């Protein structure tokens, strides 16, 4: 089973400048999924 560390995904994504995050569809997807699964807000 694959372990998911959503807190790390969120922490790293928040360090990436927002324009760059929004230019990469996969990064944005992972970030959005982590936020959704943790109930966190951007």
PDB file of N, CA and C in Angstrom:
ATOM      1  N   UNK A   1       0.842  -1.187   0.000  1.00  0.00           N
ATOM      2  CA  UNK A   1       0.000   0.000   0.000  1.00  0.00           C
ATOM      3  C   UNK A   1       0.886   1.249   0.000  1.00  0.00           C
ATOM      4  N   UNK A   2       0.520   2.208  -0.791  1.00  0.00           N
ATOM      5  CA  UNK A   2       1.304   3.437  -0.904  1.00  0.00           C
ATOM      6  C   UNK A   2       0.911   4.402   0.213  1.00  0.00           C
ATOM      7  N   UNK A   3       1.913   4.922   0.899  1.00  0.00           N
ATOM      8  CA  UNK A   3       1.667   5.873   1.971  1.00  0.00           C
ATOM      9  C   UNK A   3       1.537   7.275   1.373  1.00  0.00           C
ATOM     10  N   UNK A   4       0.576   8.020   1.878  1.00  0.00           N
ATOM     11  CA  UNK A   4       0.361   9.378   1.360  1.00  0.00           C
ATOM     12  C   UNK A   4       0.652  10.374   2.469  1.00  0.00           C
ATOM     13  N   UNK A   5       1.524  11.291   2.179  1.00  0.00           N
ATOM     14  CA  UNK A   5       1.910  12.313   3.142  1.00  0.00           C
ATOM     15  C   UNK A   5       1.415  13.659   2.622  1.00  0.00           C
ATOM     16  N   UNK A   6       0.140  13.898   2.823  1.00  0.00           N
ATOM     17  CA  UNK A   6      -0.483  15.102   2.286  1.00  0.00           C
ATOM     18  C   UNK A   6       0.102  16.367   2.895  1.00  0.00           C
ATOM     19  N   UNK A   7       0.471  16.328   4.159  1.00  0.00           N
ATOM     20  CA  UNK A   7       1.042  17.509   4.811  1.00  0.00           C
ATOM     21  C   UNK A   7       2.329  17.941   4.114  1.00  0.00           C
ATOM     22  N   UNK A   8       3.147  16.991   3.692  1.00  0.00           N
ATOM     23  CA  UNK A   8       4.388  17.322   2.996  1.00  0.00           C
ATOM     24  C   UNK A   8       4.087  17.900   1.618  1.00  0.00           C
ATOM     25  N   UNK A   9       3.132  17.324   0.919  1.00  0.00           N
ATOM     26  CA  UNK A   9       2.751  17.832  -0.403  1.00  0.00           C
ATOM     27  C   UNK A   9       2.300  19.284  -0.270  1.00  0.00           C
ATOM     28  N   UNK A  10       1.460  19.571   0.726  1.00  0.00           N
ATOM     29  CA  UNK A  10       0.953  20.928   0.941  1.00  0.00           C
ATOM     30  C   UNK A  10       2.089  21.877   1.304  1.00  0.00           C
ATOM     31  N   UNK A  11       2.959  21.457   2.205  1.00  0.00           N
ATOM     32  CA  UNK A  11       4.066  22.314   2.642  1.00  0.00           C
ATOM     33  C   UNK A  11       4.997  22.666   1.483  1.00  0.00           C
ATOM     34  N   UNK A  12       5.321  21.687   0.658  1.00  0.00           N
ATOM     35  CA  UNK A  12       6.216  21.937  -0.471  1.00  0.00           C
ATOM     36  C   UNK A  12       5.525  22.822  -1.509  1.00  0.00           C
ATOM     37  N   UNK A  13       4.272  22.544  -1.803  1.00  0.00           N
ATOM     38  CA  UNK A  13       3.545  23.329  -2.797  1.00  0.00           C
ATOM     39  C   UNK A  13       3.428  24.787  -2.375  1.00  0.00           C
ATOM     40  N   UNK A  14       3.300  25.037  -1.089  1.00  0.00           N
ATOM     41  CA  UNK A  14       3.183  26.413  -0.602  1.00  0.00           C
ATOM     42  C   UNK A  14       4.499  27.185  -0.703  1.00  0.00           C
ATOM     43  N   UNK A  15       5.599  26.481  -0.894  1.00  0.00           N
ATOM     44  CA  UNK A  15       6.899  27.138  -1.063  1.00  0.00           C
ATOM     45  C   UNK A  15       7.168  27.495  -2.529  1.00  0.00           C
ATOM     46  N   UNK A  16       6.393  26.905  -3.429  1.00  0.00           N
ATOM     47  CA  UNK A  16       6.563  27.157  -4.859  1.00  0.00           C
ATOM     48  C   UNK A  16       5.786  28.436  -5.201  1.00  0.00           C
ATOM     49  N   UNK A  17       6.394  29.345  -5.948  1.00  0.00           N
ATOM     50  CA  UNK A  17       5.662  30.551  -6.351  1.00  0.00           C
ATOM     51  C   UNK A  17       4.356  30.164  -7.069  1.00  0.00           C
ATOM     52  N   UNK A  18       3.285  30.864  -6.722  1.00  0.00           N
ATOM     53  CA  UNK A  18       1.967  30.511  -7.239  1.00  0.00           C
ATOM     54  C   UNK A  18       1.885  30.438  -8.767  1.00  0.00           C
ATOM     55  N   UNK A  19       2.481  31.387  -9.509  1.00  0.00           N
ATOM     56  CA  UNK A  19       2.397  31.272 -10.987  1.00  0.00           C
ATOM     57  C   UNK A  19       3.021  29.975 -11.511  1.00  0.00           C
ATOM     58  N   UNK A  20       4.102  29.538 -10.905  1.00  0.00           N
ATOM     59  CA  UNK A  20       4.753  28.301 -11.335  1.00  0.00           C
ATOM     60  C   UNK A  20       3.885  27.097 -10.987  1.00  0.00           C
ATOM     61  N   UNK A  21       3.310  27.110  -9.804  1.00  0.00           N
ATOM     62  CA  UNK A  21       2.426  26.013  -9.379  1.00  0.00           C
ATOM     63  C   UNK A  21       1.257  25.870 -10.358  1.00  0.00           C
ATOM     64  N   UNK A  22       0.676  26.980 -10.768  1.00  0.00           N
ATOM     65  CA  UNK A  22      -0.480  26.942 -11.671  1.00  0.00           C
ATOM     66  C   UNK A  22      -0.101  26.591 -13.103  1.00  0.00           C
ATOM     67  N   UNK A  23       1.170  26.688 -13.461  1.00  0.00           N
ATOM     68  CA  UNK A  23       1.613  26.318 -14.813  1.00  0.00           C
ATOM     69  C   UNK A  23       1.838  24.821 -14.956  1.00  0.00           C
ATOM     70  N   UNK A  24       1.994  24.126 -13.835  1.00  0.00           N
ATOM     71  CA  UNK A  24       2.260  22.691 -13.899  1.00  0.00           C
ATOM     72  C   UNK A  24       1.006  21.920 -13.479  1.00  0.00           C
ATOM     73  N   UNK A  25       0.299  21.316 -14.432  1.00  0.00           N
ATOM     74  CA  UNK A  25      -0.969  20.653 -14.108  1.00  0.00           C
ATOM     75  C   UNK A  25      -0.836  19.523 -13.088  1.00  0.00           C
ATOM     76  N   UNK A  26       0.263  18.784 -13.132  1.00  0.00           N
ATOM     77  CA  UNK A  26       0.413  17.670 -12.183  1.00  0.00           C
ATOM     78  C   UNK A  26       0.663  18.181 -10.763  1.00  0.00           C
ATOM     79  N   UNK A  27       1.531  19.170 -10.629  1.00  0.00           N
ATOM     80  CA  UNK A  27       1.763  19.744  -9.299  1.00  0.00           C
ATOM     81  C   UNK A  27       0.473  20.309  -8.727  1.00  0.00           C
ATOM     82  N   UNK A  28      -0.252  21.038  -9.551  1.00  0.00           N
ATOM     83  CA  UNK A  28      -1.500  21.635  -9.106  1.00  0.00           C
ATOM     84  C   UNK A  28      -2.508  20.554  -8.714  1.00  0.00           C
ATOM     85  N   UNK A  29      -2.574  19.472  -9.473  1.00  0.00           N
ATOM     86  CA  UNK A  29      -3.487  18.375  -9.161  1.00  0.00           C
ATOM     87  C   UNK A  29      -3.136  17.743  -7.816  1.00  0.00           C
ATOM     88  N   UNK A  30      -1.841  17.473  -7.582  1.00  0.00           N
ATOM     89  CA  UNK A  30      -1.428  16.867  -6.317  1.00  0.00           C
ATOM     90  C   UNK A  30      -1.740  17.783  -5.145  1.00  0.00           C
ATOM     91  N   UNK A  31      -1.473  19.073  -5.330  1.00  0.00           N
ATOM     92  CA  UNK A  31      -1.742  20.059  -4.283  1.00  0.00           C
ATOM     93  C   UNK A  31      -3.249  20.117  -3.985  1.00  0.00           C
ATOM     94  N   UNK A  32      -4.059  20.201  -5.025  1.00  0.00           N
ATOM     95  CA  UNK A  32      -5.512  20.256  -4.839  1.00  0.00           C
ATOM     96  C   UNK A  32      -6.044  18.992  -4.166  1.00  0.00           C
ATOM     97  N   UNK A  33      -5.536  17.845  -4.563  1.00  0.00           N
ATOM     98  CA  UNK A  33      -5.972  16.590  -3.942  1.00  0.00           C
ATOM     99  C   UNK A  33      -5.579  16.537  -2.474  1.00  0.00           C
ATOM    100  N   UNK A  34      -4.366  16.983  -2.156  1.00  0.00           N
ATOM    101  CA  UNK A  34      -3.913  16.981  -0.763  1.00  0.00           C
ATOM    102  C   UNK A  34      -4.785  17.912   0.076  1.00  0.00           C
ATOM    103  N   UNK A  35      -5.111  19.084  -0.470  1.00  0.00           N
ATOM    104  CA  UNK A  35      -5.980  20.020   0.255  1.00  0.00           C
ATOM    105  C   UNK A  35      -7.358  19.405   0.481  1.00  0.00           C
ATOM    106  N   UNK A  36      -7.899  18.775  -0.548  1.00  0.00           N
ATOM    107  CA  UNK A  36      -9.225  18.173  -0.449  1.00  0.00           C
ATOM    108  C   UNK A  36      -9.243  17.053   0.589  1.00  0.00           C
ATOM    109  N   UNK A  37      -8.239  16.212   0.564  1.00  0.00           N
ATOM    110  CA  UNK A  37      -8.228  15.053   1.468  1.00  0.00           C
ATOM    111  C   UNK A  37      -7.918  15.410   2.910  1.00  0.00           C
ATOM    112  N   UNK A  38      -7.279  16.527   3.123  1.00  0.00           N
ATOM    113  CA  UNK A  38      -6.987  16.945   4.503  1.00  0.00           C
ATOM    114  C   UNK A  38      -8.013  17.943   5.012  1.00  0.00           C
ATOM    115  N   UNK A  39      -8.813  18.503   4.097  1.00  0.00           N
ATOM    116  CA  UNK A  39      -9.762  19.523   4.489  1.00  0.00           C
ATOM    117  C   UNK A  39      -9.100  20.870   4.732  1.00  0.00           C
ATOM    118  N   UNK A  40      -7.837  20.986   4.309  1.00  0.00           N
ATOM    119  CA  UNK A  40      -7.071  22.229   4.486  1.00  0.00           C
ATOM    120  C   UNK A  40      -7.550  23.241   3.445  1.00  0.00           C
ATOM    121  N   UNK A  41      -7.202  24.498   3.669  1.00  0.00           N
ATOM    122  CA  UNK A  41      -7.544  25.555   2.727  1.00  0.00           C
ATOM    123  C   UNK A  41      -6.275  26.143   2.141  1.00  0.00           C
ATOM    124  N   UNK A  42      -6.341  26.590   0.874  1.00  0.00           N
ATOM    125  CA  UNK A  42      -5.140  27.148   0.224  1.00  0.00           C
ATOM    126  C   UNK A  42      -4.562  28.356   0.928  1.00  0.00           C
TER     127      UNK A  42
END
